[in-house]
Amino acid sequence: MSTPSPSNSPQDNVKPADYKVTFAARQSYTQHTDPCEQAAKASLTCMDRNDYNRDNCMDFFQAYRDCKKAWLEQRREDRRAGRPTPV
């Protein structure tokens, strides 16, 4: 399964992909299945472009943290509401 290339704007990666769709697309569930994969790739791409100067990529790192936070909150709400979660 190919994934689209990371975005040039950190704000494009703040919202996580629907984790249920992300998990359903995988052959098997692993601890490495991540709906915020695009945000992670975007931050690594930024590091590559900027010769690993973290200060130039802080917006991308924050977008990844925001994405992870939103994803975990979404999973918590689903569990509290009794909706099934893939993992």
N, C-alpha and C. Protein backbone atom coordinates (compact mmCIF):
# COMPACT_ATOMS: atom_id res chain seq x y z
N MET A 1 0.84 -1.17 0.00
CA MET A 1 0.00 0.00 0.00
C MET A 1 0.88 1.23 0.00
N SER A 2 0.74 2.11 -0.96
CA SER A 2 1.55 3.31 -1.00
C SER A 2 0.84 4.42 -0.27
N THR A 3 1.63 5.30 0.31
CA THR A 3 1.07 6.42 1.04
C THR A 3 1.43 7.70 0.31
N PRO A 4 0.59 8.72 0.37
CA PRO A 4 0.90 9.96 -0.29
C PRO A 4 2.13 10.60 0.34
N SER A 5 2.80 11.43 -0.43
CA SER A 5 4.00 12.07 0.08
C SER A 5 3.65 13.07 1.17
N PRO A 6 4.56 13.29 2.11
CA PRO A 6 4.30 14.22 3.20
C PRO A 6 4.09 15.64 2.67
N SER A 7 3.27 16.37 3.36
CA SER A 7 2.95 17.73 2.96
C SER A 7 4.07 18.69 3.32
N ASN A 8 4.09 19.82 2.63
CA ASN A 8 5.08 20.84 2.92
C ASN A 8 4.67 21.73 4.08
N SER A 9 3.39 21.71 4.45
CA SER A 9 2.90 22.53 5.54
C SER A 9 2.64 21.66 6.77
N PRO A 10 3.18 22.04 7.92
CA PRO A 10 2.96 21.23 9.13
C PRO A 10 1.47 21.14 9.49
N GLN A 11 0.71 22.20 9.24
CA GLN A 11 -0.69 22.21 9.64
C GLN A 11 -1.54 21.23 8.86
N ASP A 12 -1.04 20.76 7.70
CA ASP A 12 -1.78 19.76 6.93
C ASP A 12 -1.78 18.41 7.63
N ASN A 13 -0.90 18.21 8.60
CA ASN A 13 -0.74 16.92 9.25
C ASN A 13 -1.23 16.89 10.69
N VAL A 14 -1.91 17.92 11.14
CA VAL A 14 -2.35 17.98 12.53
C VAL A 14 -3.48 17.00 12.80
N LYS A 15 -4.38 16.84 11.86
CA LYS A 15 -5.52 15.94 12.04
C LYS A 15 -5.11 14.52 11.64
N PRO A 16 -5.27 13.55 12.54
CA PRO A 16 -4.88 12.18 12.21
C PRO A 16 -5.84 11.57 11.19
N ALA A 17 -5.32 10.61 10.45
CA ALA A 17 -6.19 9.83 9.56
C ALA A 17 -7.14 9.03 10.43
N ASP A 18 -8.28 8.65 9.88
CA ASP A 18 -9.23 7.85 10.65
C ASP A 18 -8.55 6.53 11.01
N TYR A 19 -8.32 6.32 12.29
CA TYR A 19 -7.54 5.16 12.71
C TYR A 19 -8.23 3.84 12.38
N LYS A 20 -9.55 3.83 12.34
CA LYS A 20 -10.25 2.59 11.99
C LYS A 20 -9.96 2.20 10.55
N VAL A 21 -9.95 3.18 9.66
CA VAL A 21 -9.63 2.92 8.25
C VAL A 21 -8.16 2.53 8.12
N THR A 22 -7.29 3.23 8.85
CA THR A 22 -5.86 2.92 8.80
C THR A 22 -5.60 1.50 9.25
N PHE A 23 -6.22 1.08 10.34
CA PHE A 23 -6.01 -0.27 10.85
C PHE A 23 -6.64 -1.32 9.93
N ALA A 24 -7.80 -1.01 9.37
CA ALA A 24 -8.48 -1.96 8.50
C ALA A 24 -7.68 -2.21 7.22
N ALA A 25 -6.91 -1.22 6.79
CA ALA A 25 -6.13 -1.36 5.56
C ALA A 25 -4.90 -2.23 5.74
N ARG A 26 -4.52 -2.49 6.97
CA ARG A 26 -3.32 -3.30 7.24
C ARG A 26 -3.65 -4.78 7.22
N GLN A 27 -2.67 -5.58 6.85
CA GLN A 27 -2.85 -7.03 6.86
C GLN A 27 -2.98 -7.53 8.30
N SER A 28 -2.18 -6.96 9.18
CA SER A 28 -2.23 -7.35 10.59
C SER A 28 -2.05 -6.12 11.45
N TYR A 29 -2.56 -6.17 12.66
CA TYR A 29 -2.41 -5.06 13.58
C TYR A 29 -1.08 -5.18 14.30
N THR A 30 -0.34 -4.11 14.35
CA THR A 30 0.90 -4.11 15.09
C THR A 30 0.95 -2.83 15.91
N GLN A 31 1.90 -2.78 16.81
CA GLN A 31 2.07 -1.56 17.60
C GLN A 31 2.57 -0.41 16.74
N HIS A 32 2.99 -0.71 15.51
CA HIS A 32 3.56 0.31 14.65
C HIS A 32 2.55 0.91 13.68
N THR A 33 1.30 0.48 13.72
CA THR A 33 0.27 1.07 12.87
C THR A 33 -0.04 2.45 13.44
N ASP A 34 0.11 3.47 12.60
CA ASP A 34 0.03 4.84 13.09
C ASP A 34 -0.74 5.73 12.13
N PRO A 35 -1.91 6.25 12.53
CA PRO A 35 -2.66 7.16 11.68
C PRO A 35 -1.95 8.50 11.49
N CYS A 36 -0.94 8.77 12.28
CA CYS A 36 -0.18 10.01 12.16
C CYS A 36 1.12 9.80 11.38
N GLU A 37 1.14 8.76 10.59
CA GLU A 37 2.34 8.41 9.84
C GLU A 37 2.77 9.54 8.91
N GLN A 38 1.80 10.22 8.29
CA GLN A 38 2.13 11.33 7.38
C GLN A 38 2.83 12.46 8.12
N ALA A 39 2.38 12.77 9.33
CA ALA A 39 3.01 13.83 10.12
C ALA A 39 4.42 13.43 10.50
N ALA A 40 4.63 12.16 10.83
CA ALA A 40 5.97 11.69 11.18
C ALA A 40 6.90 11.78 9.98
N LYS A 41 6.40 11.35 8.82
CA LYS A 41 7.22 11.42 7.60
C LYS A 41 7.54 12.87 7.24
N ALA A 42 6.57 13.75 7.42
CA ALA A 42 6.79 15.16 7.11
C ALA A 42 7.88 15.75 8.01
N SER A 43 7.89 15.37 9.28
CA SER A 43 8.91 15.91 10.18
C SER A 43 10.29 15.36 9.81
N LEU A 44 10.36 14.09 9.43
CA LEU A 44 11.65 13.53 9.01
C LEU A 44 12.14 14.14 7.70
N THR A 45 11.21 14.40 6.79
CA THR A 45 11.57 15.05 5.54
C THR A 45 12.10 16.46 5.81
N CYS A 46 11.47 17.16 6.74
CA CYS A 46 11.94 18.50 7.12
C CYS A 46 13.36 18.42 7.68
N MET A 47 13.61 17.43 8.51
CA MET A 47 14.97 17.27 9.06
C MET A 47 15.98 17.02 7.95
N ASP A 48 15.62 16.19 6.98
CA ASP A 48 16.51 15.94 5.85
C ASP A 48 16.80 17.22 5.07
N ARG A 49 15.75 18.00 4.82
CA ARG A 49 15.91 19.25 4.05
C ARG A 49 16.76 20.28 4.78
N ASN A 50 16.73 20.25 6.11
CA ASN A 50 17.41 21.29 6.90
C ASN A 50 18.67 20.77 7.59
N ASP A 51 19.28 19.74 7.04
CA ASP A 51 20.53 19.20 7.59
C ASP A 51 20.43 18.87 9.08
N TYR A 52 19.29 18.33 9.47
CA TYR A 52 19.04 17.87 10.84
C TYR A 52 19.14 18.97 11.89
N ASN A 53 18.75 20.18 11.49
CA ASN A 53 18.65 21.28 12.43
C ASN A 53 17.22 21.28 12.97
N ARG A 54 17.06 20.82 14.19
CA ARG A 54 15.73 20.67 14.80
C ARG A 54 14.97 21.98 14.90
N ASP A 55 15.68 23.07 15.13
CA ASP A 55 15.01 24.36 15.31
C ASP A 55 14.18 24.75 14.09
N ASN A 56 14.61 24.33 12.90
CA ASN A 56 13.88 24.68 11.68
C ASN A 56 12.63 23.81 11.48
N CYS A 57 12.47 22.77 12.25
CA CYS A 57 11.37 21.83 12.04
C CYS A 57 10.42 21.74 13.23
N MET A 58 10.49 22.67 14.14
CA MET A 58 9.66 22.59 15.34
C MET A 58 8.17 22.58 15.03
N ASP A 59 7.75 23.30 13.97
CA ASP A 59 6.33 23.29 13.60
C ASP A 59 5.88 21.90 13.18
N PHE A 60 6.75 21.17 12.48
CA PHE A 60 6.42 19.81 12.06
C PHE A 60 6.35 18.88 13.26
N PHE A 61 7.24 19.05 14.22
CA PHE A 61 7.20 18.22 15.42
C PHE A 61 5.95 18.49 16.22
N GLN A 62 5.56 19.76 16.32
CA GLN A 62 4.35 20.10 17.05
C GLN A 62 3.12 19.54 16.35
N ALA A 63 3.11 19.58 15.03
CA ALA A 63 1.98 19.01 14.28
C ALA A 63 1.86 17.51 14.56
N TYR A 64 3.00 16.81 14.65
CA TYR A 64 2.98 15.38 14.96
C TYR A 64 2.44 15.15 16.37
N ARG A 65 2.90 15.94 17.33
CA ARG A 65 2.40 15.79 18.70
C ARG A 65 0.90 16.06 18.77
N ASP A 66 0.44 17.10 18.06
CA ASP A 66 -0.99 17.42 18.05
C ASP A 66 -1.79 16.29 17.41
N CYS A 67 -1.26 15.71 16.35
CA CYS A 67 -1.93 14.60 15.68
C CYS A 67 -2.05 13.41 16.63
N LYS A 68 -0.96 13.04 17.29
CA LYS A 68 -0.98 11.91 18.22
C LYS A 68 -1.97 12.16 19.36
N LYS A 69 -1.98 13.38 19.86
CA LYS A 69 -2.90 13.72 20.95
C LYS A 69 -4.35 13.57 20.50
N ALA A 70 -4.66 14.07 19.29
CA ALA A 70 -6.02 13.97 18.77
C ALA A 70 -6.41 12.51 18.54
N TRP A 71 -5.47 11.70 18.05
CA TRP A 71 -5.75 10.29 17.79
C TRP A 71 -6.03 9.55 19.09
N LEU A 72 -5.20 9.77 20.09
CA LEU A 72 -5.40 9.07 21.36
C LEU A 72 -6.70 9.51 22.03
N GLU A 73 -7.04 10.78 21.91
CA GLU A 73 -8.29 11.26 22.47
C GLU A 73 -9.48 10.64 21.74
N GLN A 74 -9.37 10.51 20.44
CA GLN A 74 -10.43 9.89 19.64
C GLN A 74 -10.64 8.43 20.08
N ARG A 75 -9.56 7.72 20.31
CA ARG A 75 -9.66 6.33 20.76
C ARG A 75 -10.27 6.25 22.15
N ARG A 76 -9.86 7.16 23.05
CA ARG A 76 -10.44 7.17 24.40
C ARG A 76 -11.94 7.40 24.35
N GLU A 77 -12.37 8.37 23.53
CA GLU A 77 -13.80 8.67 23.43
C GLU A 77 -14.56 7.46 22.88
N ASP A 78 -13.98 6.78 21.90
CA ASP A 78 -14.64 5.59 21.34
C ASP A 78 -14.78 4.50 22.40
N ARG A 79 -13.75 4.29 23.19
CA ARG A 79 -13.83 3.27 24.24
C ARG A 79 -14.86 3.65 25.30
N ARG A 80 -14.88 4.92 25.69
CA ARG A 80 -15.85 5.37 26.70
C ARG A 80 -17.29 5.22 26.20
N ALA A 81 -17.48 5.44 24.89
CA ALA A 81 -18.82 5.35 24.31
C ALA A 81 -19.20 3.91 23.99
N GLY A 82 -18.26 2.97 24.18
CA GLY A 82 -18.55 1.56 23.93
C GLY A 82 -18.44 1.18 22.46
N ARG A 83 -17.89 2.08 21.64
CA ARG A 83 -17.69 1.75 20.23
C ARG A 83 -16.48 0.84 20.11
N PRO A 84 -16.54 -0.16 19.22
CA PRO A 84 -15.41 -1.06 19.06
C PRO A 84 -14.20 -0.34 18.46
N THR A 85 -13.03 -0.68 18.97
CA THR A 85 -11.78 -0.14 18.43
C THR A 85 -10.96 -1.31 17.90
N PRO A 86 -10.22 -1.11 16.82
CA PRO A 86 -9.47 -2.21 16.22
C PRO A 86 -8.40 -2.79 17.15
N VAL A 87 -7.80 -1.95 17.98
CA VAL A 87 -6.75 -2.43 18.89
C VAL A 87 -6.99 -1.90 20.27
